N, C-alpha and C. Protein backbone atom coordinates (compact mmCIF):
# COMPACT_ATOMS: atom_id res chain seq x y z
N UNK A 1 0.78 -0.99 0.07
CA UNK A 1 0.19 -0.33 -0.34
C UNK A 1 1.19 1.06 -0.06
N UNK A 2 0.45 2.21 -0.96
CA UNK A 2 1.42 3.21 -0.39
C UNK A 2 1.33 4.33 0.74
N UNK A 3 1.86 4.93 0.71
CA UNK A 3 2.21 5.96 2.30
C UNK A 3 2.03 7.14 1.44
N UNK A 4 1.09 7.96 2.77
CA UNK A 4 0.26 9.53 2.21
C UNK A 4 0.95 10.10 3.40
N UNK A 5 1.98 11.29 3.23
CA UNK A 5 1.98 12.44 4.29
C UNK A 5 0.56 13.30 3.86
N UNK A 6 0.72 14.51 5.17
CA UNK A 6 -0.27 15.42 5.03
C UNK A 6 0.46 16.89 5.38
N UNK A 7 0.07 17.49 4.90
CA UNK A 7 0.47 18.73 4.60
C UNK A 7 -0.43 20.08 4.60
N UNK A 8 -0.20 20.71 5.73
CA UNK A 8 -0.98 22.06 5.95
C UNK A 8 -0.84 23.44 5.46
N UNK A 9 -1.40 23.94 4.92
CA UNK A 9 -0.08 25.44 4.35
C UNK A 9 -1.38 26.80 5.04
N UNK A 10 0.02 27.05 6.31
CA UNK A 10 -0.49 28.35 7.53
C UNK A 10 0.55 29.43 6.82
N UNK A 11 1.00 29.41 6.26
CA UNK A 11 1.86 30.42 5.96
C UNK A 11 1.85 31.94 5.12
N UNK A 12 0.27 32.21 4.96
CA UNK A 12 0.01 32.91 4.13
C UNK A 12 -0.11 34.31 5.19
N UNK A 13 0.00 35.05 4.16
CA UNK A 13 -0.27 36.57 4.86
C UNK A 13 -1.56 36.99 5.21
N UNK A 14 -2.51 36.66 4.94
CA UNK A 14 -3.82 36.64 5.54
C UNK A 14 -3.72 37.98 5.40
N UNK A 15 -3.62 39.15 4.47
CA UNK A 15 -3.90 40.57 4.10
C UNK A 15 -5.68 40.68 4.62
N UNK A 16 -6.31 40.37 3.94
CA UNK A 16 -7.87 40.20 3.91
C UNK A 16 -8.57 39.74 5.10
N UNK A 17 -8.22 39.15 5.86
CA UNK A 17 -8.74 38.92 6.72
C UNK A 17 -7.79 39.84 8.15
N UNK A 18 -6.86 39.76 8.23
CA UNK A 18 -6.63 40.95 9.32
C UNK A 18 -5.40 40.38 10.13
N UNK A 19 -5.91 38.90 10.06
CA UNK A 19 -5.70 38.41 11.20
C UNK A 19 -5.30 37.03 10.81
N UNK A 20 -3.80 36.22 11.84
CA UNK A 20 -3.86 34.49 11.68
C UNK A 20 -4.89 33.76 10.97
N UNK A 21 -5.16 32.65 9.60
CA UNK A 21 -6.66 32.13 9.54
C UNK A 21 -6.03 31.11 10.44
N UNK A 22 -5.33 30.22 10.57
CA UNK A 22 -4.62 29.32 11.40
C UNK A 22 -5.61 29.10 13.02
N UNK A 23 -5.26 30.35 12.73
CA UNK A 23 -5.73 30.57 14.75
C UNK A 23 -7.49 30.86 14.75
N UNK A 24 -8.11 31.16 14.24
CA UNK A 24 -9.20 31.56 13.69
C UNK A 24 -10.40 30.43 14.46
N UNK A 25 -11.09 30.55 15.65
CA UNK A 25 -11.79 29.91 16.10
C UNK A 25 -13.13 29.33 15.26
N UNK A 26 -13.39 28.00 15.87
CA UNK A 26 -14.50 27.15 14.98
C UNK A 26 -14.66 26.14 15.55
N UNK A 27 -16.24 26.32 16.21
CA UNK A 27 -16.71 25.06 16.60
C UNK A 27 -15.78 24.69 18.17
N UNK A 28 -15.14 25.78 18.58
CA UNK A 28 -14.44 25.51 19.95
C UNK A 28 -13.22 25.61 19.94
N UNK A 29 -12.60 25.22 18.39
CA UNK A 29 -11.00 25.23 17.72
C UNK A 29 -10.85 26.14 17.00
N UNK A 30 -8.90 25.75 17.33
CA UNK A 30 -8.66 26.94 16.12
C UNK A 30 -8.50 26.02 14.25
N UNK A 31 -8.59 26.70 13.53
CA UNK A 31 -8.77 26.38 12.44
C UNK A 31 -7.77 25.31 12.05
N UNK A 32 -6.68 25.35 12.38
CA UNK A 32 -5.17 24.60 12.41
C UNK A 32 -5.54 23.19 13.32
N UNK A 33 -6.11 23.25 14.31
CA UNK A 33 -6.37 21.88 15.29
C UNK A 33 -7.58 21.48 14.24
N UNK A 34 -8.96 21.99 13.37
CA UNK A 34 -9.75 20.88 12.70
C UNK A 34 -8.91 20.12 11.66
N UNK A 35 -7.55 20.98 11.20
CA UNK A 35 -6.72 20.40 9.71
C UNK A 35 -6.27 19.44 10.21
N UNK A 36 -5.30 19.38 11.27
CA UNK A 36 -4.69 18.69 11.88
C UNK A 36 -5.80 17.13 11.68
N UNK A 37 -6.66 17.30 12.97
CA UNK A 37 -7.63 16.07 12.99
C UNK A 37 -8.01 15.79 11.75
N UNK A 38 -8.08 16.51 10.85
CA UNK A 38 -8.93 16.07 9.02
C UNK A 38 -7.99 14.90 8.85
N UNK A 39 -6.54 15.30 8.05
CA UNK A 39 -5.37 15.11 7.89
C UNK A 39 -5.34 13.37 8.70
N UNK A 40 -5.40 13.71 10.15
CA UNK A 40 -5.01 12.50 10.48
C UNK A 40 -6.12 11.29 10.19
N UNK A 41 -7.46 11.58 10.45
CA UNK A 41 -8.84 10.83 10.57
C UNK A 41 -8.46 9.87 8.78
N UNK A 42 -7.76 10.69 8.26
CA UNK A 42 -7.74 10.43 6.53
C UNK A 42 -6.99 9.25 6.67
N UNK A 43 -6.17 9.43 7.37
CA UNK A 43 -4.86 8.14 7.46
C UNK A 43 -3.59 9.13 7.25
N UNK A 44 -3.31 9.98 6.87
CA UNK A 44 -1.78 10.45 6.74
C UNK A 44 -1.27 10.51 7.31
N UNK A 45 0.08 10.64 7.43
CA UNK A 45 0.95 10.08 8.38
C UNK A 45 2.65 10.14 7.79
N UNK A 46 3.19 10.92 7.93
CA UNK A 46 3.26 12.28 9.31
C UNK A 46 2.64 13.36 8.54
N UNK A 47 1.74 14.45 9.75
CA UNK A 47 1.39 15.75 8.76
C UNK A 47 2.35 16.49 9.37
N UNK A 48 2.57 17.42 8.00
CA UNK A 48 3.15 18.84 8.37
C UNK A 48 2.23 19.86 8.24
N UNK A 49 3.16 21.26 8.92
CA UNK A 49 2.47 22.03 8.88
C UNK A 49 3.77 22.89 8.13
N UNK A 50 3.24 23.85 7.17
CA UNK A 50 4.10 24.25 6.30
C UNK A 50 4.01 25.98 6.54
N UNK A 51 5.02 26.77 7.03
CA UNK A 51 4.82 28.56 7.55
C UNK A 51 5.75 29.29 6.97
N UNK A 52 5.65 30.00 7.01
CA UNK A 52 7.13 31.12 6.50
C UNK A 52 7.83 31.62 7.87
N UNK A 53 6.69 31.29 9.35
CA UNK A 53 7.76 31.79 10.39
C UNK A 53 6.89 30.58 11.52
N UNK A 54 7.31 29.64 11.73
CA UNK A 54 6.93 28.50 12.83
C UNK A 54 7.04 29.29 14.28
N UNK A 55 7.51 29.92 14.45
CA UNK A 55 7.10 30.42 15.79
C UNK A 55 6.10 31.06 16.29
N UNK A 56 5.32 31.50 15.20
CA UNK A 56 4.29 32.36 15.67
C UNK A 56 3.16 31.25 16.43
N UNK A 57 3.78 29.49 16.08
CA UNK A 57 2.22 28.79 16.42
C UNK A 57 3.36 28.06 17.36
N UNK A 58 2.08 27.15 18.40
CA UNK A 58 2.41 26.46 19.42
C UNK A 58 1.29 24.91 19.25
N UNK A 59 1.52 24.07 18.72
CA UNK A 59 0.94 23.32 18.09
C UNK A 59 1.07 22.13 18.69
N UNK A 60 0.33 20.71 18.47
CA UNK A 60 0.77 19.55 18.83
C UNK A 60 2.14 19.01 18.71
N UNK A 61 3.04 18.42 19.24
CA UNK A 61 4.06 17.91 18.52
C UNK A 61 3.90 16.74 18.17
N UNK A 62 3.10 16.50 17.49
CA UNK A 62 2.96 15.33 16.77
C UNK A 62 2.90 16.03 15.03
N UNK A 63 2.79 17.01 15.28
CA UNK A 63 3.00 17.87 13.79
C UNK A 63 4.40 18.13 13.34
N UNK A 64 4.89 18.48 12.03
CA UNK A 64 6.32 18.37 11.76
C UNK A 64 6.15 19.79 11.12
N UNK A 65 6.46 20.29 11.77
CA UNK A 65 6.89 22.01 11.17
C UNK A 65 7.94 22.24 10.11
N UNK A 66 7.33 22.56 9.16
CA UNK A 66 8.39 23.10 7.86
C UNK A 66 8.29 24.51 7.77
N UNK A 67 9.72 25.51 7.56
CA UNK A 67 9.43 26.59 7.47
C UNK A 67 10.01 26.77 6.02
N UNK A 68 9.35 27.85 5.14
CA UNK A 68 9.25 27.73 3.48
C UNK A 68 10.69 28.21 3.09
N UNK A 69 10.90 27.32 2.67
CA UNK A 69 12.56 27.18 1.86
C UNK A 69 12.88 28.83 1.17
N UNK A 70 12.25 29.51 1.17
CA UNK A 70 12.21 30.75 0.93
C UNK A 70 11.79 31.74 1.98
N UNK A 71 12.33 33.09 1.81
CA UNK A 71 12.02 34.16 2.73
C UNK A 71 10.87 34.92 2.64
N UNK A 72 10.13 35.84 3.14
CA UNK A 72 9.45 36.49 2.58
C UNK A 72 8.19 36.02 1.84
N UNK A 73 7.31 35.28 2.45
CA UNK A 73 6.42 34.76 1.75
C UNK A 73 6.18 34.57 0.43
N UNK A 74 6.70 33.57 -0.27
CA UNK A 74 6.44 33.44 -1.84
C UNK A 74 5.27 32.71 -2.73
N UNK A 75 4.21 32.29 -1.70
CA UNK A 75 3.19 31.68 -1.66
C UNK A 75 2.99 30.43 -1.59
N UNK A 76 1.72 29.61 -2.01
CA UNK A 76 2.08 28.39 -1.59
C UNK A 76 2.75 27.14 -2.46
N UNK A 77 2.96 27.71 -3.80
CA UNK A 77 4.04 26.67 -4.51
C UNK A 77 4.84 26.77 -3.58
N UNK A 78 5.77 27.80 -3.02
CA UNK A 78 7.31 27.46 -2.58
C UNK A 78 6.80 26.41 -1.31
N UNK A 79 6.00 26.68 -0.58
CA UNK A 79 5.35 25.63 0.40
C UNK A 79 5.66 24.26 0.28
N UNK A 80 4.48 24.00 -1.00
CA UNK A 80 4.38 23.13 -1.72
C UNK A 80 5.66 22.12 -1.69
N UNK A 81 6.78 23.16 -2.40
CA UNK A 81 7.96 22.73 -2.54
C UNK A 81 8.78 22.52 -1.24
N UNK A 82 8.97 23.28 -0.27
CA UNK A 82 9.21 22.87 0.82
C UNK A 82 8.68 21.77 1.70
N UNK A 83 7.50 21.33 1.30
CA UNK A 83 7.07 20.10 2.33
C UNK A 83 7.53 18.70 0.87
N UNK A 84 7.45 19.24 -0.53
CA UNK A 84 7.62 17.81 -1.00
C UNK A 84 9.21 17.40 -0.77
N UNK A 85 10.20 18.53 -0.54
CA UNK A 85 11.62 18.01 -0.47
C UNK A 85 11.82 17.29 0.87
N UNK A 86 10.91 17.66 1.70
CA UNK A 86 11.48 16.88 3.26
C UNK A 86 10.38 15.29 3.32
N UNK A 87 9.30 15.51 2.41
CA UNK A 87 8.67 14.24 2.47
C UNK A 87 8.97 13.09 2.53
N UNK A 88 8.99 12.01 2.67
CA UNK A 88 9.37 10.83 2.70
C UNK A 88 8.19 9.82 2.13
N UNK A 89 6.86 9.63 1.80
CA UNK A 89 6.15 9.25 1.61
C UNK A 89 6.24 8.94 -0.04
N UNK A 90 5.11 7.70 -0.50
CA UNK A 90 5.13 8.38 -1.98
C UNK A 90 4.55 9.70 -2.50
N UNK A 91 3.04 9.71 -1.36
CA UNK A 91 2.13 10.70 -1.70
C UNK A 91 2.05 11.91 -0.57
N UNK A 92 1.95 13.09 -1.09
CA UNK A 92 1.30 13.93 -0.07
C UNK A 92 0.02 14.89 -0.32
N UNK A 93 -0.76 14.82 0.61
CA UNK A 93 -1.97 15.30 0.90
C UNK A 93 -2.55 16.98 0.85
N UNK A 94 -2.47 17.82 0.36
CA UNK A 94 -2.17 19.42 0.62
C UNK A 94 -3.55 20.03 0.94
N UNK A 95 -3.64 21.30 2.27
CA UNK A 95 -4.85 21.70 2.44
C UNK A 95 -4.29 22.77 3.18
N UNK A 96 -5.25 24.01 2.72
CA UNK A 96 -5.17 25.10 3.39
C UNK A 96 -5.75 25.44 4.96
N UNK A 97 -4.87 25.81 5.85
CA UNK A 97 -5.45 26.25 6.87
C UNK A 97 -6.88 26.36 6.93
N UNK A 98 -7.42 27.07 5.95
CA UNK A 98 -8.89 27.90 5.68
C UNK A 98 -9.68 27.08 5.12
N UNK A 99 -9.87 25.85 4.96
CA UNK A 99 -10.52 25.16 3.98
C UNK A 99 -11.35 23.90 5.03
N UNK A 100 -12.74 24.61 5.80
CA UNK A 100 -13.64 23.83 6.59
C UNK A 100 -14.53 23.37 5.72
N UNK A 101 -15.01 21.84 6.43
CA UNK A 101 -15.72 21.00 5.49
C UNK A 101 -15.67 20.15 4.48
N UNK A 102 -14.13 20.20 4.51
CA UNK A 102 -14.24 19.26 3.10
C UNK A 102 -14.63 17.76 3.31
N UNK A 103 -14.76 17.57 2.11
CA UNK A 103 -15.20 15.70 2.42
C UNK A 103 -14.57 14.79 2.73
N UNK A 104 -14.80 14.30 3.59
CA UNK A 104 -14.63 12.75 4.36
C UNK A 104 -14.08 12.39 3.51
N UNK A 105 -14.22 11.86 2.17
CA UNK A 105 -13.99 10.82 1.68
C UNK A 105 -12.83 11.22 0.76
N UNK A 106 -12.23 12.52 0.70
CA UNK A 106 -11.12 13.23 0.08
C UNK A 106 -10.10 12.43 -0.55
N UNK A 107 -9.15 11.94 0.51
CA UNK A 107 -8.30 11.46 0.44
C UNK A 107 -8.57 9.89 -0.87
N UNK A 108 -9.40 9.45 -0.46
CA UNK A 108 -9.66 8.32 -1.30
C UNK A 108 -10.05 7.87 -2.63
N UNK A 109 -10.79 9.67 -2.44
CA UNK A 109 -11.32 9.94 -3.98
C UNK A 109 -9.95 10.13 -4.51
N UNK A 110 -8.93 10.80 -4.07
CA UNK A 110 -7.51 11.30 -5.05
C UNK A 110 -6.90 9.87 -5.38
N UNK A 111 -7.06 8.88 -4.29
CA UNK A 111 -6.29 7.55 -4.73
C UNK A 111 -6.66 7.50 -5.38
N UNK A 112 -7.80 7.23 -5.48
CA UNK A 112 -8.52 5.99 -6.94
C UNK A 112 -7.80 6.91 -8.36
N UNK A 113 -7.58 8.18 -8.24
CA UNK A 113 -7.08 8.74 -9.51
C UNK A 113 -5.14 9.34 -9.96
N UNK A 114 -4.47 9.08 -8.70
CA UNK A 114 -3.57 9.71 -8.97
C UNK A 114 -2.71 8.66 -9.83
N UNK A 115 -2.79 7.59 -9.89
CA UNK A 115 -1.45 6.45 -10.44
C UNK A 115 -1.39 7.34 -11.84
N UNK A 116 -2.04 7.41 -12.59
CA UNK A 116 -2.27 8.40 -14.28
C UNK A 116 -1.08 9.20 -13.55
N UNK A 117 -1.12 10.31 -12.51
CA UNK A 117 -0.90 11.60 -12.78
C UNK A 117 0.18 12.10 -11.83
N UNK A 118 0.75 13.63 -11.65
CA UNK A 118 1.68 13.76 -10.85
C UNK A 118 0.96 14.45 -9.36
N UNK A 119 -0.47 15.21 -10.13
CA UNK A 119 -1.44 15.70 -8.76
C UNK A 119 -2.35 15.57 -9.34
N UNK A 120 -3.54 15.38 -8.41
CA UNK A 120 -4.72 15.45 -8.83
C UNK A 120 -5.78 16.69 -7.66
N UNK A 121 -6.06 17.22 -8.29
CA UNK A 121 -6.43 18.58 -7.18
C UNK A 121 -8.15 18.87 -7.53
N UNK A 122 -8.60 19.07 -6.35
CA UNK A 122 -10.19 19.66 -5.90
C UNK A 122 -10.87 20.86 -6.80
N UNK A 123 -12.32 20.46 -7.45
CA UNK A 123 -12.46 21.10 -8.80
C UNK A 123 -14.37 21.04 -8.09
N UNK A 124 -14.75 22.00 -7.35
CA UNK A 124 -16.16 21.83 -7.69
C UNK A 124 -16.49 23.25 -8.36
N UNK A 125 -17.12 24.49 -8.01
CA UNK A 125 -17.34 25.42 -9.09
C UNK A 125 -16.02 26.18 -9.15
N UNK A 126 -15.32 25.68 -8.68
CA UNK A 126 -13.72 26.89 -8.56
C UNK A 126 -12.73 25.19 -8.41
N UNK A 127 -11.85 25.90 -9.67
CA UNK A 127 -10.57 25.07 -9.02
C UNK A 127 -10.02 25.54 -7.66
N UNK A 128 -9.69 24.68 -7.01
CA UNK A 128 -8.87 24.50 -5.22
C UNK A 128 -7.55 23.67 -5.55
N UNK A 129 -6.45 24.26 -6.09
CA UNK A 129 -5.17 23.89 -6.12
C UNK A 129 -4.64 23.57 -5.24
N UNK A 130 -5.20 24.14 -4.14
CA UNK A 130 -4.14 23.63 -2.74
C UNK A 130 -5.11 22.78 -1.85
N UNK A 131 -6.07 22.07 -2.36
CA UNK A 131 -6.30 20.71 -2.21
C UNK A 131 -6.46 19.79 -2.83
N UNK A 132 -5.01 18.87 -2.92
CA UNK A 132 -4.71 17.98 -3.99
C UNK A 132 -3.78 16.91 -3.52
N UNK A 133 -3.36 16.16 -3.74
CA UNK A 133 -2.84 15.14 -3.71
C UNK A 133 -1.73 14.90 -4.95
N UNK A 134 -0.21 14.95 -4.62
CA UNK A 134 0.60 14.58 -4.91
C UNK A 134 1.34 13.93 -5.05
N UNK A 135 1.72 13.20 -6.53
CA UNK A 135 3.13 12.24 -6.40
C UNK A 135 4.67 13.33 -5.68
N UNK A 136 4.96 12.88 -4.34
CA UNK A 136 6.42 13.12 -4.13
C UNK A 136 7.40 12.98 -5.21
N UNK A 137 7.80 12.39 -5.81
CA UNK A 137 8.71 11.98 -6.86
C UNK A 137 8.72 13.54 -7.64
N UNK A 138 7.72 14.62 -7.94
CA UNK A 138 7.81 15.31 -8.36
C UNK A 138 8.42 16.57 -7.79
N UNK A 139 8.95 15.88 -6.60
CA UNK A 139 10.04 17.25 -6.17
C UNK A 139 11.22 17.94 -6.33
N UNK A 140 11.90 17.28 -7.33
CA UNK A 140 12.80 17.96 -8.03
C UNK A 140 12.59 18.92 -8.92
N UNK A 141 11.68 18.23 -9.48
CA UNK A 141 11.07 19.08 -10.79
C UNK A 141 10.69 20.25 -10.49
N UNK A 142 9.99 20.63 -9.18
CA UNK A 142 8.82 21.39 -8.46
C UNK A 142 10.06 22.25 -8.20
N UNK A 143 10.99 21.71 -7.58
CA UNK A 143 12.51 22.89 -6.85
C UNK A 143 12.92 23.72 -7.99
N UNK A 144 13.35 23.08 -8.94
CA UNK A 144 13.96 23.51 -10.04
C UNK A 144 13.05 24.87 -10.71
N UNK A 145 11.57 23.99 -10.92
CA UNK A 145 11.04 25.28 -11.30
C UNK A 145 10.76 26.46 -10.47
N UNK A 146 10.34 26.08 -9.11
CA UNK A 146 10.77 27.19 -7.94
C UNK A 146 12.04 28.17 -7.87
N UNK A 147 13.36 27.69 -8.45
CA UNK A 147 14.64 28.25 -8.71
C UNK A 147 14.35 28.99 -10.03
N UNK A 148 13.36 28.49 -10.53
CA UNK A 148 13.78 29.82 -12.38
C UNK A 148 12.62 30.78 -11.46
N UNK A 149 11.95 30.52 -11.27
CA UNK A 149 11.05 31.69 -10.36
C UNK A 149 9.47 31.82 -10.74
N UNK A 150 9.12 30.13 -10.88
CA UNK A 150 7.84 30.04 -11.25
C UNK A 150 7.05 30.00 -10.04
N UNK A 151 5.67 30.53 -9.02
CA UNK A 151 5.38 30.86 -8.32
C UNK A 151 3.71 30.70 -7.97
N UNK A 152 3.00 30.03 -9.19
CA UNK A 152 1.87 30.15 -9.76
C UNK A 152 1.62 28.57 -10.02
N UNK A 153 0.43 27.62 -8.61
CA UNK A 153 0.06 26.35 -8.66
C UNK A 153 -0.65 25.87 -10.06
N UNK A 154 -1.69 26.95 -10.38
CA UNK A 154 -2.16 26.84 -11.54
C UNK A 154 -0.95 26.76 -12.86
N UNK A 155 -0.10 27.54 -13.15
CA UNK A 155 0.73 27.17 -13.84
C UNK A 155 1.90 26.27 -13.80
N UNK A 156 2.36 25.48 -12.22
CA UNK A 156 2.79 24.32 -12.09
C UNK A 156 1.49 22.97 -12.77
N UNK A 157 0.36 23.55 -12.43
CA UNK A 157 -0.10 21.87 -12.68
C UNK A 157 0.14 21.77 -14.11
N UNK A 158 -0.23 23.32 -15.00
CA UNK A 158 -0.34 23.40 -16.41
C UNK A 158 1.12 22.54 -16.80
N UNK A 159 2.06 22.68 -15.97
CA UNK A 159 3.32 22.08 -16.29
C UNK A 159 3.66 20.58 -16.24
N UNK A 160 2.69 19.83 -15.30
CA UNK A 160 3.10 18.49 -14.93
C UNK A 160 1.78 17.69 -15.49
N UNK A 161 1.09 16.78 -15.10
CA UNK A 161 0.46 15.60 -15.46
C UNK A 161 -0.72 16.00 -14.40
N UNK A 162 -1.31 16.57 -14.14
CA UNK A 162 -2.44 16.92 -13.11
C UNK A 162 -3.83 16.93 -13.90
N UNK A 163 -4.28 16.61 -12.64
CA UNK A 163 -6.12 16.22 -13.19
C UNK A 163 -6.73 16.68 -12.24
N UNK A 164 -8.23 17.52 -12.66
CA UNK A 164 -9.17 17.76 -11.89
C UNK A 164 -10.23 16.63 -10.93
N UNK A 165 -10.31 16.17 -9.91
CA UNK A 165 -11.05 15.72 -9.02
C UNK A 165 -12.74 16.12 -8.82
N UNK A 166 -13.89 16.15 -9.72
CA UNK A 166 -15.16 16.92 -10.04
C UNK A 166 -15.62 16.49 -8.61
N UNK A 167 -15.76 17.32 -7.60
CA UNK A 167 -16.73 17.06 -6.31
C UNK A 167 -17.67 18.49 -6.26
N UNK A 168 -18.64 18.23 -6.13
CA UNK A 168 -19.45 19.36 -5.65
C UNK A 168 -20.15 19.16 -4.48
N UNK A 169 -20.04 20.25 -3.48
CA UNK A 169 -20.53 19.95 -2.49
C UNK A 169 -21.55 21.26 -1.86
N UNK A 170 -22.60 21.04 -1.08
CA UNK A 170 -23.04 22.64 -0.60
C UNK A 170 -22.55 23.53 0.59
N UNK A 171 -21.14 22.79 0.66
CA UNK A 171 -19.82 23.15 1.44
C UNK A 171 -18.87 24.11 1.30
N UNK A 172 -18.94 24.01 0.05
CA UNK A 172 -17.91 24.46 -0.98
C UNK A 172 -17.54 26.37 -0.96
N UNK A 173 -18.43 26.52 -0.59
CA UNK A 173 -18.18 27.75 -0.03
C UNK A 173 -17.63 28.40 1.21
N UNK A 174 -17.11 27.12 1.93
CA UNK A 174 -15.92 27.47 3.20
C UNK A 174 -14.67 26.76 3.14
N UNK A 175 -14.37 26.37 1.73
CA UNK A 175 -13.31 25.72 1.52
C UNK A 175 -12.69 27.05 1.30
N UNK A 176 -13.19 28.28 1.78
CA UNK A 176 -11.81 29.32 1.24
C UNK A 176 -12.12 30.06 2.18
N UNK A 177 -11.84 30.31 3.40
CA UNK A 177 -12.44 31.56 4.23
C UNK A 177 -10.98 32.69 4.46
N UNK A 178 -11.34 33.85 3.84
CA UNK A 178 -10.59 35.00 2.89
C UNK A 178 -10.83 36.17 3.93
N UNK A 179 -11.80 36.18 4.24
CA UNK A 179 -11.94 37.91 4.77
C UNK A 179 -13.06 37.63 6.02
N UNK A 180 -13.49 38.67 6.87
CA UNK A 180 -14.38 38.79 7.92
C UNK A 180 -15.62 38.21 7.71
N UNK A 181 -16.05 38.66 6.26
CA UNK A 181 -17.29 38.30 5.78
C UNK A 181 -17.53 37.15 5.73
N UNK A 182 -16.29 36.37 4.53
CA UNK A 182 -16.33 34.81 4.70
C UNK A 182 -16.64 33.97 6.29
N UNK A 183 -15.58 34.47 7.40
CA UNK A 183 -15.45 33.25 8.25
C UNK A 183 -17.30 33.62 8.87
N UNK A 184 -17.85 35.10 9.18
CA UNK A 184 -19.08 35.21 10.11
C UNK A 184 -20.20 34.28 9.40
N UNK A 185 -19.88 34.19 7.67
CA UNK A 185 -20.92 33.06 6.95
C UNK A 185 -21.04 31.74 7.55
N UNK A 186 -19.10 31.78 7.60
CA UNK A 186 -19.22 30.13 8.39
C UNK A 186 -19.76 30.14 9.66
N UNK A 187 -19.46 30.64 10.65
CA UNK A 187 -20.20 31.19 11.82
C UNK A 187 -21.36 30.46 12.00
N UNK A 188 -22.20 31.18 10.67
CA UNK A 188 -23.42 31.29 10.78
C UNK A 188 -24.29 30.43 10.42
N UNK A 189 -23.79 30.16 8.85
CA UNK A 189 -24.42 29.41 8.15
C UNK A 189 -23.93 27.80 7.34
N UNK A 190 -22.60 27.21 8.48
CA UNK A 190 -22.03 26.31 7.86
C UNK A 190 -23.05 24.82 7.67
N UNK A 191 -23.09 24.02 7.11
CA UNK A 191 -24.16 22.89 6.77
C UNK A 191 -23.13 21.61 7.44
N UNK A 192 -24.00 20.97 8.31
CA UNK A 192 -23.00 20.28 9.12
C UNK A 192 -23.35 18.68 7.97
């Protein structure tokens, strides 16, 4: 059986939210705790949290912290390269810290399609490039792309064999909490 690690991207600038999204509370826990529990329940081991400055966070010792390989937050593609470089499993499942209500069986759905691709990402009404399963064997190619200046997840997926996993959900609007208004909507209207 193939091994799968999990990675949570927590290093964004949170400009629109105005504070760290990883620390926002929902259902009595910070977002980051929800994401750690989600990846753990999916069977990901180990679980990484990728951040620009890991000293901002104090989370369970079971989580392996990875600092972005480049300074001055340069986006999730650099975070992905940092995680893939250190990952020692066959696959790496990635999610952002601000995606609540993801499908429970997402990893299993990804695994049914990954064999023919370098990456499979979630697509509902929109493409969710940070919610994906990656072949760890792509680490070297991704590092070269990052070194050459590539910073766009969408452009990276266009360079490799990637595939969208189509999954529509009433919860899709909660898969990307960026603003105080998004956060308020999550607090008031989440469909469980």
